C-alpha atoms as a PDB file:
ATOM      1  CA  MET A   1      -0.100   0.191  -0.285  1.00  0.00           C
ATOM      2  CA  HIS A   2       1.620   3.062  -1.044  1.00  0.00           C
ATOM      3  CA  ASP A   3      -0.426   5.877  -1.799  1.00  0.00           C
ATOM      4  CA  THR A   4      -2.432   7.011   1.398  1.00  0.00           C
ATOM      5  CA  SER A   5      -5.537   5.913   2.079  1.00  0.00           C
ATOM      6  CA  THR A   6      -8.823   6.198   4.002  1.00  0.00           C
ATOM      7  CA  ALA A   7     -10.345   4.296   6.764  1.00  0.00           C
ATOM      8  CA  LEU A   8     -13.618   4.711   8.882  1.00  0.00           C
ATOM      9  CA  LEU A   9     -13.562   3.234  12.137  1.00  0.00           C
ATOM     10  CA  ALA A  10     -16.533   1.555  13.525  1.00  0.00           C
ATOM     11  CA  SER A  11     -15.002  -0.024  16.720  1.00  0.00           C
ATOM     12  CA  ASN A  12     -14.028   0.574  20.133  1.00  0.00           C
ATOM     13  CA  THR A  13     -11.070  -2.063  19.779  1.00  0.00           C
ATOM     14  CA  PHE A  14      -9.324   0.633  18.320  1.00  0.00           C
ATOM     15  CA  SER A  15      -9.208   3.054  21.256  1.00  0.00           C
ATOM     16  CA  SER A  16      -8.394   0.337  23.674  1.00  0.00           C
ATOM     17  CA  ASN A  17      -4.886  -0.586  21.543  1.00  0.00           C
ATOM     18  CA  PRO A  18      -2.557   1.729  20.196  1.00  0.00           C
ATOM     19  CA  ASN A  19      -0.728  -1.418  18.404  1.00  0.00           C
ATOM     20  CA  LEU A  20      -3.488  -1.626  15.536  1.00  0.00           C
ATOM     21  CA  LEU A  21      -3.678   2.769  15.171  1.00  0.00           C
ATOM     22  CA  GLN A  22       0.325   2.176  14.562  1.00  0.00           C
ATOM     23  CA  THR A  23      -1.167  -0.722  11.993  1.00  0.00           C
ATOM     24  CA  LEU A  24      -3.342   1.573  10.041  1.00  0.00           C
ATOM     25  CA  THR A  25      -0.510   4.308  10.314  1.00  0.00           C
ATOM     26  CA  LYS A  26       2.096   2.268   8.949  1.00  0.00           C
ATOM     27  CA  CYS A  27      -0.633   0.814   5.913  1.00  0.00           C
ATOM     28  CA  ARG A  28      -0.245   4.504   5.343  1.00  0.00           C
ATOM     29  CA  LEU A  29      -3.913   4.233   6.221  1.00  0.00           C
ATOM     30  CA  TYR A  30      -5.857   8.070   7.542  1.00  0.00           C
ATOM     31  CA  THR A  31      -8.568   7.453   9.614  1.00  0.00           C
ATOM     32  CA  ILE A  32     -11.588   9.905   8.931  1.00  0.00           C
ATOM     33  CA  ASN A  33     -13.474   9.700  12.458  1.00  0.00           C
ATOM     34  CA  LYS A  34     -12.113  11.597  14.835  1.00  0.00           C
ATOM     35  CA  SER A  35     -14.994  10.202  17.340  1.00  0.00           C
ATOM     36  CA  LEU A  36     -16.039   6.453  18.007  1.00  0.00           C
ATOM     37  CA  ILE A  37     -19.246   5.331  15.372  1.00  0.00           C
ATOM     38  CA  ASN A  38     -21.254   4.049  18.450  1.00  0.00           C
ATOM     39  CA  THR A  39     -24.168   2.400  16.788  1.00  0.00           C
ATOM     40  CA  LYS A  40     -24.826   0.478  13.890  1.00  0.00           C
ATOM     41  CA  GLU A  41     -26.977   3.180  12.209  1.00  0.00           C
ATOM     42  CA  GLY A  42     -24.523   5.784  12.723  1.00  0.00           C
ATOM     43  CA  VAL A  43     -22.218   3.863   9.913  1.00  0.00           C
ATOM     44  CA  ILE A  44     -24.129   4.915   7.162  1.00  0.00           C
ATOM     45  CA  PRO A  45     -24.036   8.869   7.279  1.00  0.00           C
ATOM     46  CA  GLU A  46     -20.330   8.392   7.210  1.00  0.00           C
ATOM     47  CA  ILE A  47     -20.160   5.821   4.203  1.00  0.00           C
ATOM     48  CA  GLU A  48     -22.577   8.406   2.344  1.00  0.00           C
ATOM     49  CA  LEU A  49     -20.364  11.641   3.155  1.00  0.00           C
ATOM     50  CA  HIS A  50     -16.435  10.283   3.251  1.00  0.00           C
ATOM     51  CA  LYS A  51     -16.849   7.059   0.883  1.00  0.00           C
ATOM     52  CA  PRO A  52     -13.980   5.811   2.676  1.00  0.00           C
ATOM     53  CA  ASN A  53     -11.051   3.191   1.015  1.00  0.00           C
ATOM     54  CA  PHE A  54     -11.861   0.817   4.048  1.00  0.00           C
ATOM     55  CA  LEU A  55     -14.509   0.518   7.036  1.00  0.00           C
ATOM     56  CA  LEU A  56     -13.302  -1.519  10.050  1.00  0.00           C
ATOM     57  CA  LEU A  57     -16.573  -2.642  11.595  1.00  0.00           C
ATOM     58  CA  SER A  58     -17.234  -4.821  15.013  1.00  0.00           C
ATOM     59  CA  VAL A  59     -20.048  -7.224  14.711  1.00  0.00           C
ATOM     60  CA  SER A  60     -20.756  -6.520  17.770  1.00  0.00           C
ATOM     61  CA  LEU A  61     -21.305  -2.396  17.927  1.00  0.00           C
ATOM     62  CA  PRO A  62     -24.609  -1.880  19.264  1.00  0.00           C
ATOM     63  CA  GLY A  63     -27.898  -0.708  17.002  1.00  0.00           C
ATOM     64  CA  VAL A  64     -31.476  -2.117  16.081  1.00  0.00           C
ATOM     65  CA  ILE A  65     -30.131  -2.919  12.286  1.00  0.00           C
ATOM     66  CA  GLU A  66     -28.541  -6.187  11.489  1.00  0.00           C
ATOM     67  CA  VAL A  67     -24.800  -6.213  10.310  1.00  0.00           C
ATOM     68  CA  LEU A  68     -25.885  -7.875   7.102  1.00  0.00           C
ATOM     69  CA  GLU A  69     -28.120  -4.715   6.528  1.00  0.00           C
ATOM     70  CA  VAL A  70     -24.838  -2.540   7.152  1.00  0.00           C
ATOM     71  CA  VAL A  71     -22.876  -4.143   4.562  1.00  0.00           C
ATOM     72  CA  ALA A  72     -25.329  -4.346   1.537  1.00  0.00           C
ATOM     73  CA  LYS A  73     -25.745  -0.694   2.404  1.00  0.00           C
ATOM     74  CA  THR A  74     -22.169   0.465   2.477  1.00  0.00           C
ATOM     75  CA  LYS A  75     -22.156  -1.646  -0.989  1.00  0.00           C
ATOM     76  CA  GLN A  76     -24.510   0.584  -1.993  1.00  0.00           C
ATOM     77  CA  ALA A  77     -23.522   3.992  -0.996  1.00  0.00           C
ATOM     78  CA  SER A  78     -19.821   3.249  -1.709  1.00  0.00           C
ATOM     79  CA  PRO A  79     -19.169   0.374  -4.105  1.00  0.00           C
ATOM     80  CA  LYS A  80     -15.150   0.689  -3.529  1.00  0.00           C
ATOM     81  CA  THR A  81     -15.203   0.588   0.057  1.00  0.00           C
ATOM     82  CA  LYS A  82     -13.127  -2.559   1.602  1.00  0.00           C
ATOM     83  CA  ILE A  83     -15.484  -4.019   4.444  1.00  0.00           C
ATOM     84  CA  VAL A  84     -13.650  -5.832   7.623  1.00  0.00           C
ATOM     85  CA  LEU A  85     -15.783  -7.380   9.779  1.00  0.00           C
ATOM     86  CA  ILE A  86     -14.456  -7.983  12.969  1.00  0.00           C
ATOM     87  CA  VAL A  87     -16.022 -10.800  14.627  1.00  0.00           C
ATOM     88  CA  ASN A  88     -15.921 -12.225  18.435  1.00  0.00           C
ATOM     89  CA  GLU A  89     -17.282 -15.578  17.872  1.00  0.00           C
ATOM     90  CA  ASN A  90     -16.914 -18.687  15.890  1.00  0.00           C
ATOM     91  CA  ASP A  91     -20.284 -19.383  14.254  1.00  0.00           C
ATOM     92  CA  ALA A  92     -19.283 -20.674  10.918  1.00  0.00           C
ATOM     93  CA  GLY A  93     -23.040 -19.970   9.433  1.00  0.00           C
ATOM     94  CA  LYS A  94     -22.647 -16.564  10.364  1.00  0.00           C
ATOM     95  CA  ILE A  95     -19.071 -16.233   8.803  1.00  0.00           C
ATOM     96  CA  LEU A  96     -20.674 -17.566   5.598  1.00  0.00           C
ATOM     97  CA  ASN A  97     -23.401 -15.329   5.754  1.00  0.00           C
ATOM     98  CA  TYR A  98     -20.701 -12.079   5.871  1.00  0.00           C
ATOM     99  CA  MET A  99     -18.991 -13.557   3.004  1.00  0.00           C
ATOM    100  CA  VAL A 100     -22.448 -13.832   0.767  1.00  0.00           C
ATOM    101  CA  ALA A 101     -23.296 -10.567   1.638  1.00  0.00           C
ATOM    102  CA  ASN A 102     -20.109  -9.037  -0.192  1.00  0.00           C
ATOM    103  CA  THR A 103     -18.123  -8.790   3.174  1.00  0.00           C
ATOM    104  CA  ASP A 104     -14.221  -8.298   1.974  1.00  0.00           C
ATOM    105  CA  ALA A 105     -12.162  -9.411   4.954  1.00  0.00           C
ATOM    106  CA  ILE A 106     -13.357 -11.565   8.534  1.00  0.00           C
ATOM    107  CA  ILE A 107     -11.098 -11.248  11.356  1.00  0.00           C
ATOM    108  CA  HIS A 108     -11.506 -12.482  14.357  1.00  0.00           C
ATOM    109  CA  CYS A 109     -11.073 -10.066  17.798  1.00  0.00           C
ATOM    110  CA  ASP A 110      -8.205 -12.190  18.998  1.00  0.00           C
ATOM    111  CA  CYS A 111      -6.302 -12.239  15.516  1.00  0.00           C
ATOM    112  CA  LEU A 112      -6.493  -8.652  15.132  1.00  0.00           C
ATOM    113  CA  GLU A 113      -3.772  -7.823  16.381  1.00  0.00           C
ATOM    114  CA  GLU A 114      -1.567 -10.509  14.189  1.00  0.00           C
ATOM    115  CA  SER A 115      -4.114 -10.554  11.138  1.00  0.00           C
ATOM    116  CA  LEU A 116      -4.777  -6.660  10.262  1.00  0.00           C
ATOM    117  CA  GLU A 117      -1.503  -5.935   8.212  1.00  0.00           C
ATOM    118  CA  PRO A 118      -1.822  -8.789   6.189  1.00  0.00           C
ATOM    119  CA  ALA A 119      -5.560  -8.012   5.709  1.00  0.00           C
ATOM    120  CA  LEU A 120      -5.243  -4.479   4.507  1.00  0.00           C
ATOM    121  CA  LYS A 121      -2.435  -5.593   2.221  1.00  0.00           C
ATOM    122  CA  GLN A 122      -4.496  -8.407   0.623  1.00  0.00           C
ATOM    123  CA  LEU A 123      -7.638  -5.886   0.110  1.00  0.00           C
ATOM    124  CA  SER A 124      -5.443  -3.246  -1.372  1.00  0.00           C
ATOM    125  CA  LYS A 125      -4.633  -6.451  -4.031  1.00  0.00           C
ATOM    126  CA  GLY A 126      -7.845  -6.475  -4.727  1.00  0.00           C
ATOM    127  CA  GLN A 127      -8.014  -9.851  -2.737  1.00  0.00           C
ATOM    128  CA  THR A 128     -10.935 -11.281   0.163  1.00  0.00           C
ATOM    129  CA  TYR A 129      -8.588 -12.288   3.481  1.00  0.00           C
ATOM    130  CA  LEU A 130      -9.654 -14.685   6.165  1.00  0.00           C
ATOM    131  CA  CYS A 131      -7.903 -14.846   9.515  1.00  0.00           C
ATOM    132  CA  GLY A 132      -6.910 -18.314  10.584  1.00  0.00           C
ATOM    133  CA  MET A 133      -9.773 -18.834  13.097  1.00  0.00           C
ATOM    134  CA  THR A 134     -12.377 -18.035  10.865  1.00  0.00           C
ATOM    135  CA  THR A 135     -11.279 -20.358   8.126  1.00  0.00           C
ATOM    136  CA  ASN A 136     -10.810 -22.962  10.566  1.00  0.00           C
ATOM    137  CA  SER A 137     -14.585 -22.674  11.488  1.00  0.00           C
ATOM    138  CA  LEU A 138     -15.508 -22.709   8.036  1.00  0.00           C
ATOM    139  CA  LYS A 139     -13.838 -25.676   7.360  1.00  0.00           C
ATOM    140  CA  VAL A 140     -15.066 -27.787   9.879  1.00  0.00           C
ATOM    141  CA  LEU A 141     -18.536 -26.824   8.930  1.00  0.00           C
ATOM    142  CA  LEU A 142     -17.551 -28.133   5.610  1.00  0.00           C
ATOM    143  CA  GLN A 143     -16.520 -31.275   6.739  1.00  0.00           C
ATOM    144  CA  LYS A 144     -19.693 -31.593   8.694  1.00  0.00           C
ATOM    145  CA  GLN A 145     -21.683 -31.040   5.121  1.00  0.00           C
ATOM    146  CA  GLN A 146     -19.571 -33.557   3.518  1.00  0.00           C
ATOM    147  CA  THR A 147     -19.783 -36.001   5.796  1.00  0.00           C
ATOM    148  CA  GLU A 148     -24.025 -35.312   5.995  1.00  0.00           C
ATOM    149  CA  SER A 149     -26.255 -37.986   4.019  1.00  0.00           C
ATOM    150  CA  LYS A 150     -27.189 -35.892   0.790  1.00  0.00           C
ATOM    151  CA  SER A 151     -30.508 -37.682   0.589  1.00  0.00           C
ATOM    152  CA  SER A 152     -32.154 -34.767   1.309  1.00  0.00           C
ATOM    153  CA  SER A 153     -30.491 -32.763  -1.531  1.00  0.00           C
ATOM    154  CA  GLY A 154     -33.900 -32.706  -3.703  1.00  0.00           C
ATOM    155  CA  LEU A 155     -35.502 -30.491  -0.947  1.00  0.00           C
ATOM    156  CA  LEU A 156     -34.902 -27.617  -2.777  1.00  0.00           C
ATOM    157  CA  ASN A 157     -37.082 -28.700  -5.911  1.00  0.00           C
ATOM    158  CA  SER A 158     -39.736 -28.785  -3.575  1.00  0.00           C
ATOM    159  CA  LEU A 159     -39.714 -24.736  -3.703  1.00  0.00           C
ATOM    160  CA  THR A 160     -41.942 -22.708  -6.256  1.00  0.00           C
ATOM    161  CA  ASP A 161     -39.986 -20.463  -8.421  1.00  0.00           C
ATOM    162  CA  ARG A 162     -40.719 -17.304  -6.313  1.00  0.00           C
ATOM    163  CA  GLU A 163     -39.492 -19.469  -3.472  1.00  0.00           C
ATOM    164  CA  VAL A 164     -36.198 -20.360  -5.007  1.00  0.00           C
ATOM    165  CA  GLU A 165     -36.125 -16.418  -6.412  1.00  0.00           C
ATOM    166  CA  VAL A 166     -36.603 -15.544  -2.412  1.00  0.00           C
ATOM    167  CA  LEU A 167     -34.261 -17.788  -1.041  1.00  0.00           C
ATOM    168  CA  HIS A 168     -31.346 -17.128  -4.014  1.00  0.00           C
ATOM    169  CA  SER A 169     -31.768 -13.368  -2.916  1.00  0.00           C
ATOM    170  CA  LEU A 170     -30.645 -14.130   0.777  1.00  0.00           C
ATOM    171  CA  THR A 171     -27.631 -15.958  -0.103  1.00  0.00           C
ATOM    172  CA  GLN A 172     -26.871 -12.707  -1.640  1.00  0.00           C
ATOM    173  CA  GLY A 173     -27.268 -10.773   1.574  1.00  0.00           C
ATOM    174  CA  VAL A 174     -30.282  -9.094   0.799  1.00  0.00           C
ATOM    175  CA  ASN A 175     -32.746  -8.309   3.523  1.00  0.00           C
ATOM    176  CA  TYR A 176     -36.556  -8.755   3.198  1.00  0.00           C
ATOM    177  CA  LYS A 177     -37.707  -5.120   2.429  1.00  0.00           C
ATOM    178  CA  GLN A 178     -35.314  -4.787  -0.489  1.00  0.00           C
ATOM    179  CA  ILE A 179     -36.438  -8.838  -1.412  1.00  0.00           C
ATOM    180  CA  ALA A 180     -39.733  -7.282  -1.559  1.00  0.00           C
ATOM    181  CA  LYS A 181     -38.775  -4.088  -3.918  1.00  0.00           C
ATOM    182  CA  LEU A 182     -36.536  -6.093  -6.142  1.00  0.00           C
ATOM    183  CA  LEU A 183     -39.657  -8.932  -6.908  1.00  0.00           C
ATOM    184  CA  PHE A 184     -42.412  -6.406  -6.752  1.00  0.00           C
ATOM    185  CA  ILE A 185     -44.154  -8.093  -3.673  1.00  0.00           C
ATOM    186  CA  SER A 186     -44.790  -6.818  -0.144  1.00  0.00           C
ATOM    187  CA  GLU A 187     -43.149  -7.111   2.821  1.00  0.00           C
ATOM    188  CA  SER A 188     -45.571  -9.638   4.111  1.00  0.00           C
ATOM    189  CA  THR A 189     -45.048 -12.006   0.841  1.00  0.00           C
ATOM    190  CA  VAL A 190     -41.603 -12.310   1.286  1.00  0.00           C
ATOM    191  CA  LYS A 191     -41.933 -13.447   4.877  1.00  0.00           C
ATOM    192  CA  THR A 192     -44.707 -15.766   3.918  1.00  0.00           C
ATOM    193  CA  HIS A 193     -42.183 -17.340   0.870  1.00  0.00           C
ATOM    194  CA  ILE A 194     -39.829 -17.137   3.414  1.00  0.00           C
ATOM    195  CA  ASN A 195     -41.726 -19.459   6.150  1.00  0.00           C
ATOM    196  CA  ASN A 196     -42.755 -21.790   3.841  1.00  0.00           C
ATOM    197  CA  ILE A 197     -38.914 -22.343   2.591  1.00  0.00           C
ATOM    198  CA  PHE A 198     -37.971 -23.002   5.822  1.00  0.00           C
ATOM    199  CA  THR A 199     -40.919 -26.012   6.320  1.00  0.00           C
ATOM    200  CA  LYS A 200     -39.886 -27.683   2.970  1.00  0.00           C
ATOM    201  CA  LEU A 201     -36.165 -27.274   3.934  1.00  0.00           C
ATOM    202  CA  ASN A 202     -36.567 -28.193   7.468  1.00  0.00           C
ATOM    203  CA  VAL A 203     -34.729 -25.629   8.827  1.00  0.00           C
ATOM    204  CA  ASN A 204     -35.292 -22.910  11.562  1.00  0.00           C
ATOM    205  CA  ASP A 205     -33.896 -19.795  10.236  1.00  0.00           C
ATOM    206  CA  ARG A 206     -32.380 -17.737   7.957  1.00  0.00           C
ATOM    207  CA  THR A 207     -28.579 -18.845   8.435  1.00  0.00           C
ATOM    208  CA  GLN A 208     -29.855 -22.537   7.850  1.00  0.00           C
ATOM    209  CA  ALA A 209     -31.427 -21.843   4.795  1.00  0.00           C
ATOM    210  CA  VAL A 210     -28.630 -20.234   3.314  1.00  0.00           C
ATOM    211  CA  LEU A 211     -26.541 -22.484   4.047  1.00  0.00           C
ATOM    212  CA  TYR A 212     -28.436 -25.323   3.000  1.00  0.00           C
ATOM    213  CA  ALA A 213     -29.433 -23.536  -0.496  1.00  0.00           C
ATOM    214  CA  LEU A 214     -25.591 -22.757  -1.180  1.00  0.00           C
ATOM    215  CA  HIS A 215     -24.614 -26.780  -0.426  1.00  0.00           C
ATOM    216  CA  HIS A 216     -27.332 -27.830  -2.508  1.00  0.00           C
ATOM    217  CA  GLY A 217     -26.717 -25.644  -5.775  1.00  0.00           C
ATOM    218  CA  ILE A 218     -29.554 -22.693  -5.173  1.00  0.00           C
ATOM    219  CA  ASP A 219     -27.215 -20.888  -8.284  1.00  0.00           C
ATOM    220  CA  ASN A 220     -27.844 -23.570 -10.696  1.00  0.00           C
ATOM    221  CA  LEU A 221     -31.410 -23.484 -10.010  1.00  0.00           C
ATOM    222  CA  SER A 222     -32.195 -19.676  -9.788  1.00  0.00           C
ATOM    223  CA  LYS A 223     -33.487 -18.006 -13.223  1.00  0.00           C
ATOM    224  CA  LYS A 224     -33.642 -14.641 -11.371  1.00  0.00           C
ATOM    225  CA  PRO A 225     -30.022 -12.443 -12.535  1.00  0.00           C
ATOM    226  CA  ASN A 226     -27.974 -11.228  -9.740  1.00  0.00           C
ATOM    227  CA  LEU A 227     -30.326  -9.156  -7.144  1.00  0.00           C
ATOM    228  CA  PHE A 228     -27.068  -7.735  -5.401  1.00  0.00           C
ATOM    229  CA  LYS A 229     -26.042  -6.254  -8.521  1.00  0.00           C
ATOM    230  CA  SER A 230     -29.470  -5.009  -8.872  1.00  0.00           C
ATOM    231  CA  LEU A 231     -29.719  -3.981  -5.298  1.00  0.00           C
ATOM    232  CA  THR A 232     -26.373  -1.876  -5.788  1.00  0.00           C
ATOM    233  CA  SER A 233     -26.953   0.181  -9.036  1.00  0.00           C
ATOM    234  CA  GLU A 234     -29.985   1.774  -7.556  1.00  0.00           C
ATOM    235  CA  PRO A 235     -29.834   4.816  -5.142  1.00  0.00           C
ATOM    236  CA  ILE A 236     -29.287   4.429  -1.746  1.00  0.00           C
ATOM    237  CA  GLU A 237     -31.984   4.713   0.602  1.00  0.00           C
ATOM    238  CA  LYS A 238     -31.837   6.825   3.740  1.00  0.00           C
ATOM    239  CA  ILE A 239     -31.868   4.900   7.114  1.00  0.00           C
END
C-alpha cells in the first residue's frame, strides 16, 4: 500500500489498542472519524459522506439494524469501500453469511493485531481475506456437510419458482425489504415465502436456509439475475 488511503473506524477495539492504530499508520491509512461511531445506524451516514477506502466494523457494535444490512448499504453507497468485519465468535454459519453478503475481510478479534496488516495489504490487491480462526470454523462446517447424507438434496426442488428467487436473494445478503422491492411484492409476502421455505427445507432460520441453499446448488436453480448487482445499481435509501 503505497498511497495514503482513508479508513472509517466503527469498533472500540482500536481505541483500546494503540498497536492497531500504529498498524493503520504503517499501512498509510488515514482515519477519517475523530470520534468513535457508537451504533450500526451511525455507520451509513459517514459512509455516504466520506466514501472511505476501508470500513473496519465490529459485529458487536450496538444497533437495531443487522450487520448484513450495514454491509449491503455500505456497498450501495460506496461500492469501492473494502469492508473488514471484526467478529468475536466462531459461528461458521454467520461467517458464511458475512462472506456471501460481499464482505471483503473477516478477522476474529483475538487475531486482529496479527492479522490486520496482512488483511489490508491483501485487500489493496483486490483479494479477500479470512484470518486463521474464521478459516478453521468454515473448514469444520464444510467437513461436517461432506459427511452428511445427501438424501435430502432434492428438497430445493420442492420450492416454487418464486421461493427459489427469494432464497437465492437471501444467499446474496439482501434483506426482506429489499427483496420485496426487487421482486415487486410486499414485505409480508416475502415473509410468507420465507416461512414456506423454512418448512420445506426443514430448517429453523435464515442462516440454516442459506447454508442449505449454497450446499445444494441454489445458483443452478435460480433463473433470476443477480439481485445484489441490481440492488447496488440503485440509489441508496436513507435509514
